[in-house]
Every structure is written in C-alpha cells, then in structure tokens.
Amino acid sequence: QIQVVPWNVKDNVYVMQQGDTSNGDATFKDWSRTIFVSPLHGKMTAFSLATIMSNVFGTVSMAQINTDKYGYPT
C-alpha cells in the first residue's frame, strides 16, 4: 500500500523574526547549538517543529526540514 502525503515546498524552512538580523546568516552558523531530529511525521512542518522546540527548550532561531531535489521531505 502506498500513502501519498501532500507537501507545500515552502513548509521546509521557518525563520523566527527576532531582534537584529543585520548580520544575515551568521546567526545560524553556530553548529554547536544545532540539533538533528529524526524521524518526523510526514505532516510535520518547519513552523510546527520550531513551535514544539521553543515550547520545550526556549528560543528557536530557525527550523529546517531536509528535502530531496524536488523539495519533498526526506
């Protein structure tokens, strides 16, 4: 049996708009404060992931879901 889960390709990245973002991507390059979470439910969006993580751990700057070359979650 095959299950098809519709996916909006814009749902794979969510960036929290907080404070000064003039330094661009530099905020997101602190790999010591980056985690990998797996497996995720097929209907999980980056916004949902950021919301859950911020409720559990505090401020989240960005959440991103890995996707294949077509933009579908891997």
N, C-alpha and C. Protein backbone atom coordinates (compact mmCIF):
# COMPACT_ATOMS: atom_id res chain seq x y z
N GLN A 1 0.84 -1.17 0.00
CA GLN A 1 0.00 0.00 0.00
C GLN A 1 0.89 1.24 0.00
N ILE A 2 0.55 2.20 -0.81
CA ILE A 2 1.29 3.46 -0.91
C ILE A 2 0.46 4.57 -0.29
N GLN A 3 1.12 5.40 0.51
CA GLN A 3 0.45 6.56 1.09
C GLN A 3 1.11 7.81 0.54
N VAL A 4 0.31 8.71 -0.01
CA VAL A 4 0.82 9.97 -0.55
C VAL A 4 0.45 11.08 0.43
N VAL A 5 1.45 11.84 0.88
CA VAL A 5 1.22 12.95 1.79
C VAL A 5 1.52 14.24 1.04
N PRO A 6 0.50 15.08 0.79
CA PRO A 6 0.75 16.36 0.11
C PRO A 6 1.73 17.21 0.91
N TRP A 7 2.57 17.96 0.21
CA TRP A 7 3.60 18.76 0.87
C TRP A 7 3.76 20.08 0.15
N ASN A 8 3.69 21.18 0.89
CA ASN A 8 3.95 22.51 0.35
C ASN A 8 5.44 22.76 0.50
N VAL A 9 6.16 22.94 -0.60
CA VAL A 9 7.62 23.08 -0.54
C VAL A 9 8.07 24.28 0.28
N LYS A 10 7.18 25.21 0.56
CA LYS A 10 7.53 26.36 1.40
C LYS A 10 7.51 26.02 2.89
N ASP A 11 7.08 24.80 3.24
CA ASP A 11 6.98 24.40 4.64
C ASP A 11 8.27 23.80 5.19
N ASN A 12 9.36 23.80 4.41
CA ASN A 12 10.58 23.14 4.89
C ASN A 12 11.52 24.04 5.67
N VAL A 13 11.31 25.35 5.67
CA VAL A 13 12.16 26.27 6.43
C VAL A 13 11.28 27.28 7.15
N TYR A 14 11.61 27.52 8.42
CA TYR A 14 10.92 28.56 9.19
C TYR A 14 11.97 29.34 9.96
N VAL A 15 11.98 30.66 9.79
CA VAL A 15 12.92 31.53 10.48
C VAL A 15 12.14 32.45 11.40
N MET A 16 12.50 32.43 12.68
CA MET A 16 11.86 33.31 13.65
C MET A 16 12.38 34.72 13.42
N GLN A 17 11.51 35.71 13.34
CA GLN A 17 11.91 37.09 13.16
C GLN A 17 12.08 37.72 14.54
N GLN A 18 13.35 37.83 14.97
CA GLN A 18 13.63 38.38 16.29
C GLN A 18 14.78 39.37 16.21
N GLY A 19 14.62 40.46 16.89
CA GLY A 19 15.73 41.40 17.08
C GLY A 19 16.47 41.79 15.82
N ASP A 20 17.77 42.00 15.96
CA ASP A 20 18.63 42.46 14.88
C ASP A 20 19.06 41.30 14.00
N THR A 21 18.69 41.37 12.71
CA THR A 21 19.11 40.34 11.76
C THR A 21 20.07 40.90 10.73
N SER A 22 20.73 42.02 11.05
CA SER A 22 21.62 42.67 10.10
C SER A 22 22.85 41.84 9.76
N ASN A 23 23.20 40.87 10.62
CA ASN A 23 24.37 40.05 10.33
C ASN A 23 24.02 38.85 9.46
N GLY A 24 22.80 38.78 8.94
CA GLY A 24 22.41 37.74 7.99
C GLY A 24 22.51 36.34 8.54
N ASP A 25 23.09 35.45 7.75
CA ASP A 25 23.16 34.03 8.11
C ASP A 25 24.12 33.74 9.25
N ALA A 26 24.93 34.69 9.67
CA ALA A 26 25.89 34.43 10.74
C ALA A 26 25.21 33.91 12.00
N THR A 27 23.97 34.33 12.23
CA THR A 27 23.22 33.89 13.39
C THR A 27 23.01 32.38 13.38
N PHE A 28 22.90 31.78 12.20
CA PHE A 28 22.54 30.38 12.08
C PHE A 28 23.74 29.46 11.90
N LYS A 29 24.95 29.96 12.00
CA LYS A 29 26.12 29.14 11.74
C LYS A 29 26.82 28.64 12.98
N ASP A 30 26.19 28.75 14.12
CA ASP A 30 26.76 28.21 15.36
C ASP A 30 26.34 26.75 15.45
N TRP A 31 27.14 25.87 14.83
CA TRP A 31 26.80 24.45 14.75
C TRP A 31 26.77 23.79 16.13
N SER A 32 27.39 24.38 17.13
CA SER A 32 27.35 23.80 18.48
C SER A 32 25.96 23.94 19.10
N ARG A 33 25.12 24.77 18.50
CA ARG A 33 23.76 24.97 19.01
C ARG A 33 22.72 24.45 18.01
N THR A 34 23.14 23.48 17.19
CA THR A 34 22.29 22.91 16.16
C THR A 34 22.02 21.44 16.49
N ILE A 35 20.78 21.01 16.32
CA ILE A 35 20.46 19.61 16.59
C ILE A 35 19.79 18.97 15.37
N PHE A 36 19.89 17.66 15.29
CA PHE A 36 19.23 16.87 14.25
C PHE A 36 18.14 16.05 14.92
N VAL A 37 16.93 16.10 14.38
CA VAL A 37 15.81 15.37 14.95
C VAL A 37 15.26 14.42 13.88
N SER A 38 15.09 13.16 14.25
CA SER A 38 14.56 12.18 13.30
C SER A 38 13.97 11.02 14.07
N PRO A 39 12.99 10.34 13.59
CA PRO A 39 12.18 10.64 12.41
C PRO A 39 11.07 11.63 12.74
N LEU A 40 10.60 12.33 11.73
CA LEU A 40 9.48 13.26 11.88
C LEU A 40 8.26 12.69 11.16
N HIS A 41 7.10 13.02 11.64
CA HIS A 41 5.86 12.62 10.98
C HIS A 41 5.81 13.30 9.61
N GLY A 42 5.23 12.66 8.64
CA GLY A 42 5.15 13.19 7.28
C GLY A 42 4.42 14.51 7.14
N LYS A 43 3.60 14.85 8.10
CA LYS A 43 2.86 16.12 8.03
C LYS A 43 3.48 17.22 8.88
N MET A 44 4.66 16.98 9.44
CA MET A 44 5.35 17.98 10.26
C MET A 44 5.91 19.08 9.36
N THR A 45 5.65 20.33 9.73
CA THR A 45 6.22 21.47 9.00
C THR A 45 7.33 22.09 9.83
N ALA A 46 8.15 22.92 9.20
CA ALA A 46 9.23 23.60 9.93
C ALA A 46 8.65 24.52 11.00
N PHE A 47 7.53 25.16 10.71
CA PHE A 47 6.88 26.02 11.71
C PHE A 47 6.46 25.20 12.93
N SER A 48 5.84 24.05 12.70
CA SER A 48 5.41 23.19 13.81
C SER A 48 6.59 22.72 14.63
N LEU A 49 7.66 22.33 13.94
CA LEU A 49 8.87 21.88 14.62
C LEU A 49 9.45 23.00 15.48
N ALA A 50 9.53 24.21 14.93
CA ALA A 50 10.06 25.36 15.68
C ALA A 50 9.19 25.66 16.90
N THR A 51 7.88 25.56 16.74
CA THR A 51 6.96 25.82 17.85
C THR A 51 7.16 24.81 18.98
N ILE A 52 7.22 23.54 18.63
CA ILE A 52 7.42 22.49 19.64
C ILE A 52 8.75 22.66 20.34
N MET A 53 9.82 22.88 19.58
CA MET A 53 11.15 23.02 20.17
C MET A 53 11.23 24.25 21.07
N SER A 54 10.60 25.35 20.67
CA SER A 54 10.65 26.56 21.51
C SER A 54 9.85 26.37 22.80
N ASN A 55 8.77 25.61 22.73
CA ASN A 55 7.99 25.32 23.94
C ASN A 55 8.78 24.46 24.92
N VAL A 56 9.60 23.55 24.40
CA VAL A 56 10.36 22.63 25.25
C VAL A 56 11.68 23.23 25.70
N PHE A 57 12.42 23.87 24.77
CA PHE A 57 13.79 24.29 25.06
C PHE A 57 14.02 25.79 25.15
N GLY A 58 13.07 26.61 24.71
CA GLY A 58 13.27 28.05 24.70
C GLY A 58 13.41 28.57 23.28
N THR A 59 14.02 29.72 23.13
CA THR A 59 14.11 30.41 21.85
C THR A 59 14.71 29.55 20.74
N VAL A 60 14.03 29.53 19.61
CA VAL A 60 14.50 28.83 18.41
C VAL A 60 14.68 29.89 17.32
N SER A 61 15.84 29.94 16.70
CA SER A 61 16.10 30.92 15.65
C SER A 61 15.60 30.44 14.30
N MET A 62 15.76 29.14 14.03
CA MET A 62 15.41 28.62 12.72
C MET A 62 15.14 27.12 12.81
N ALA A 63 14.20 26.65 12.02
CA ALA A 63 13.95 25.21 11.88
C ALA A 63 13.93 24.90 10.39
N GLN A 64 14.58 23.80 10.02
CA GLN A 64 14.63 23.40 8.62
C GLN A 64 14.46 21.90 8.51
N ILE A 65 13.65 21.47 7.56
CA ILE A 65 13.44 20.05 7.31
C ILE A 65 14.19 19.70 6.03
N ASN A 66 15.03 18.67 6.10
CA ASN A 66 15.78 18.23 4.92
C ASN A 66 14.83 17.75 3.84
N THR A 67 15.13 18.13 2.60
CA THR A 67 14.30 17.73 1.47
C THR A 67 15.17 17.18 0.35
N ASP A 68 14.53 16.46 -0.57
CA ASP A 68 15.25 15.96 -1.74
C ASP A 68 15.30 17.05 -2.81
N LYS A 69 15.79 16.71 -3.99
CA LYS A 69 15.96 17.72 -5.04
C LYS A 69 14.63 18.29 -5.55
N TYR A 70 13.53 17.63 -5.21
CA TYR A 70 12.22 18.12 -5.62
C TYR A 70 11.52 18.91 -4.52
N GLY A 71 12.18 19.05 -3.36
CA GLY A 71 11.62 19.80 -2.25
C GLY A 71 10.73 18.98 -1.34
N TYR A 72 10.72 17.64 -1.51
CA TYR A 72 9.90 16.76 -0.68
C TYR A 72 10.73 16.26 0.50
N PRO A 73 10.18 16.22 1.71
CA PRO A 73 10.95 15.79 2.89
C PRO A 73 11.58 14.41 2.71
N THR A 74 12.80 14.29 3.20
CA THR A 74 13.50 13.00 3.10
C THR A 74 13.47 12.28 4.42
